[in-house]
Protein backbone atom coordinates (compact mmCIF):
# COMPACT_ATOMS: atom_id res chain seq x y z
CA MET A 1 39.24 -49.33 -45.91
CA SER A 2 40.47 -47.19 -43.16
CA ASP A 3 39.74 -44.08 -45.26
CA GLU A 4 36.18 -45.25 -45.76
CA GLN A 5 35.73 -45.95 -42.06
CA GLU A 6 37.09 -42.55 -41.15
CA ASN A 7 34.75 -40.85 -43.65
CA THR A 8 31.78 -42.84 -42.33
CA GLU A 9 32.68 -42.02 -38.72
CA ALA A 10 33.15 -38.33 -39.57
CA GLU A 11 29.75 -38.27 -41.33
CA SER A 12 28.03 -40.01 -38.44
CA THR A 13 29.54 -37.63 -35.85
CA GLU A 14 28.53 -34.68 -38.03
CA SER A 15 24.95 -35.94 -38.28
CA VAL A 16 24.85 -36.53 -34.49
CA LYS A 17 26.14 -32.99 -33.92
CA LYS A 18 23.45 -31.61 -36.26
CA LYS A 19 20.66 -33.64 -34.58
CA SER A 20 21.79 -32.90 -31.01
CA PRO A 21 20.34 -29.35 -30.76
CA MET A 22 17.02 -30.60 -32.11
CA LEU A 23 17.00 -33.48 -29.64
CA VAL A 24 17.74 -31.12 -26.72
CA MET A 25 14.90 -28.79 -27.75
CA ILE A 26 12.47 -31.73 -27.94
CA ILE A 27 13.49 -32.92 -24.47
CA VAL A 28 13.11 -29.40 -22.99
CA ALA A 29 9.69 -28.98 -24.62
CA ALA A 30 8.55 -32.36 -23.27
CA LEU A 31 9.71 -31.39 -19.75
CA MET A 32 7.85 -28.06 -19.94
CA VAL A 33 4.62 -29.73 -21.10
CA THR A 34 4.92 -32.33 -18.32
CA GLU A 35 5.52 -29.60 -15.72
CA GLY A 36 2.51 -27.58 -16.95
CA ALA A 37 0.27 -30.65 -16.81
CA GLY A 38 1.50 -31.42 -13.30
CA VAL A 39 0.75 -27.88 -12.06
CA PHE A 40 -2.71 -28.00 -13.69
CA VAL A 41 -3.57 -31.34 -12.06
CA PHE A 42 -2.30 -30.15 -8.66
CA MET A 43 -4.32 -26.92 -8.81
CA LYS A 44 -7.43 -28.76 -9.97
CA MET A 45 -7.18 -31.21 -7.08
CA THR A 46 -6.55 -28.60 -4.37
CA SER A 47 -8.89 -25.77 -5.44
CA PRO A 48 -12.38 -25.55 -3.90
CA LYS A 49 -15.25 -26.85 -5.94
CA PRO A 50 -17.82 -24.33 -7.29
CA VAL A 51 -20.48 -25.87 -5.06
CA GLU A 52 -18.33 -25.22 -1.98
CA ALA A 53 -17.88 -21.56 -2.95
CA ALA A 54 -21.64 -21.14 -3.39
CA GLU A 55 -22.24 -22.70 0.02
CA LEU A 56 -19.80 -20.22 1.59
CA MET A 57 -21.63 -17.29 0.00
CA GLY A 58 -24.92 -18.71 1.24
CA GLU A 59 -23.63 -18.71 4.82
CA ASP A 60 -22.90 -14.96 4.64
CA GLU A 61 -26.37 -14.24 3.35
CA ALA A 62 -27.92 -16.49 5.98
CA SER A 63 -26.14 -14.56 8.73
CA GLY A 64 -27.55 -11.31 7.31
CA ASP A 65 -24.20 -9.51 7.08
CA THR A 66 -24.30 -8.64 3.39
CA LEU A 67 -24.96 -4.97 2.66
CA VAL A 68 -27.78 -3.70 0.48
CA GLU A 69 -28.59 -0.18 -0.70
CA ILE A 70 -31.90 1.52 0.01
CA GLN A 71 -32.75 4.91 -1.47
CA LEU A 72 -33.54 7.37 1.29
CA LEU A 73 -34.53 10.20 -1.01
CA GLY A 74 -33.86 11.95 -4.28
CA ASP A 75 -35.12 15.52 -4.34
CA ARG A 76 -34.31 19.22 -4.78
CA PHE A 77 -33.73 21.48 -1.80
CA GLN A 78 -33.11 25.22 -1.52
CA ASN A 79 -30.24 26.77 0.39
CA MET A 80 -29.89 30.53 0.98
CA GLN A 81 -26.99 30.56 3.45
CA GLN A 82 -24.67 32.39 1.04
CA GLY A 83 -27.10 35.25 0.49
CA ARG A 84 -28.17 33.77 -2.84
CA VAL A 85 -30.81 31.19 -3.60
CA TRP A 86 -29.30 27.87 -4.61
CA SER A 87 -31.23 24.79 -5.67
CA TRP A 88 -29.50 21.53 -4.73
CA GLU A 89 -30.41 18.25 -6.40
CA ILE A 90 -29.50 15.53 -3.92
CA GLU A 91 -29.78 11.75 -3.84
CA ILE A 92 -29.09 9.84 -0.65
CA PHE A 93 -28.81 6.07 -0.26
CA LEU A 94 -28.42 4.01 2.90
CA LYS A 95 -26.30 0.86 3.16
CA VAL A 96 -27.85 -1.58 5.61
CA LYS A 97 -27.33 -5.23 6.46
CA THR A 98 -29.89 -7.62 5.01
CA ARG A 99 -31.13 -8.55 8.48
CA ASN A 100 -32.05 -4.87 9.07
CA LYS A 101 -33.45 -4.16 5.60
CA GLU A 102 -37.07 -4.97 6.35
CA ARG A 103 -37.17 -2.85 9.52
CA VAL A 104 -35.46 0.12 7.82
CA GLU A 105 -37.89 -0.01 4.88
CA LYS A 106 -40.84 -0.13 7.30
CA ILE A 107 -39.60 2.91 9.26
CA LEU A 108 -38.86 4.72 5.99
CA GLU A 109 -42.41 4.10 4.79
CA GLU A 110 -44.04 5.11 8.09
CA ARG A 111 -41.96 8.27 8.66
CA GLN A 112 -41.27 9.37 5.08
CA ALA A 113 -42.45 12.98 5.48
CA GLU A 114 -40.57 13.43 8.76
CA ILE A 115 -37.36 12.09 7.22
CA ARG A 116 -37.70 14.35 4.15
CA GLN A 117 -38.24 17.34 6.43
CA GLY A 118 -35.21 16.47 8.59
CA ILE A 119 -32.90 16.04 5.59
CA GLY A 120 -34.35 19.23 4.07
CA GLN A 121 -33.50 21.17 7.21
CA ILE A 122 -29.93 19.84 7.13
CA ILE A 123 -29.55 21.02 3.51
CA ARG A 124 -31.24 24.40 4.08
CA LYS A 125 -29.10 25.16 7.16
CA ALA A 126 -25.82 23.91 5.69
CA LYS A 127 -23.14 26.42 4.84
CA HIS A 128 -22.46 26.71 1.13
CA ALA A 129 -18.90 25.44 1.66
CA TYR A 130 -20.26 22.19 3.19
CA LEU A 131 -22.29 21.50 0.07
CA LYS A 132 -19.29 22.24 -2.16
CA GLU A 133 -16.80 19.96 -0.34
CA PRO A 134 -15.28 17.39 -2.72
CA GLY A 135 -16.07 14.46 -0.41
CA LEU A 136 -19.14 16.01 1.27
CA GLU A 137 -17.65 14.99 4.63
CA THR A 138 -19.64 17.45 6.75
CA LEU A 139 -22.91 16.63 5.02
CA HIS A 140 -22.20 12.89 5.46
CA ARG A 141 -21.63 13.36 9.20
CA GLN A 142 -24.81 15.36 9.64
CA VAL A 143 -26.96 12.94 7.64
CA ILE A 144 -25.54 9.82 9.35
CA ALA A 145 -26.20 11.37 12.78
CA TYR A 146 -29.78 12.15 11.76
CA VAL A 147 -30.58 8.73 10.24
CA ASN A 148 -29.01 6.90 13.19
CA LYS A 149 -31.37 8.86 15.46
CA VAL A 150 -34.39 8.06 13.25
CA PHE A 151 -33.69 4.37 12.53
CA GLY A 152 -32.14 3.55 15.91
CA THR A 153 -30.22 0.39 16.78
CA ASP A 154 -30.87 -3.30 16.24
CA ALA A 155 -31.12 -6.06 18.86
CA ASP A 156 -27.30 -6.23 19.10
CA GLY A 157 -27.06 -2.54 19.97
CA MET A 158 -25.50 -1.69 16.58
CA ASN A 159 -26.77 1.12 14.34
CA ARG A 160 -29.14 -0.15 11.65
CA ILE A 161 -27.50 2.15 9.09
CA ASP A 162 -23.96 1.14 8.18
CA GLN A 163 -23.17 3.88 5.70
CA VAL A 164 -24.70 6.89 3.95
CA LEU A 165 -24.01 7.38 0.24
CA ILE A 166 -24.56 10.70 -1.52
CA PRO A 167 -23.91 9.99 -5.21
CA ARG A 168 -25.54 13.23 -6.42
CA CYS A 169 -25.23 16.70 -4.92
CA ARG A 170 -25.50 19.34 -7.61
CA GLY A 171 -26.15 23.00 -6.92
CA VAL A 172 -27.51 25.62 -9.31
CA PRO A 173 -27.95 29.33 -8.47
CA ARG A 174 -31.64 30.36 -8.83
CA ASP A 175 -31.59 34.09 -8.16
CA PHE A 176 -30.67 35.47 -11.58
């Protein structure tokens, strides 16, 4: 009977050894799932609600600090500073705060011809190299100085125009 007991004990220890790796993997998987669920619940409880995020965005808009784009002009201008006639297709946009948008649009409507003439003079008098700059830095400076003079400042003493954007500035020689 001792041989039978030894065989039974050997078989049982062998089966325990075979089941042990499977049991360890099940325990590890259960711990990982529990940890993932815990992190999910924690993040869900501590993150802001969608309504709260919308309210925060509404506060920015109510204060009038969000920026909007207004097209100043999109036209063709000639430049002969290089000794050749060049035609430049230019678009200019203004970035203004929402609280200044109405006033800027009103001034733009009232003084449209004057503004087109002023920008046209800047383009016609610009050196060819200024119009060919990769970032159009010189042209940006000249246009921002002009529009700040035209649109003035708001009640806080800040310029109504925050930024000038020139997404298109293409030149084509016209004297061939």
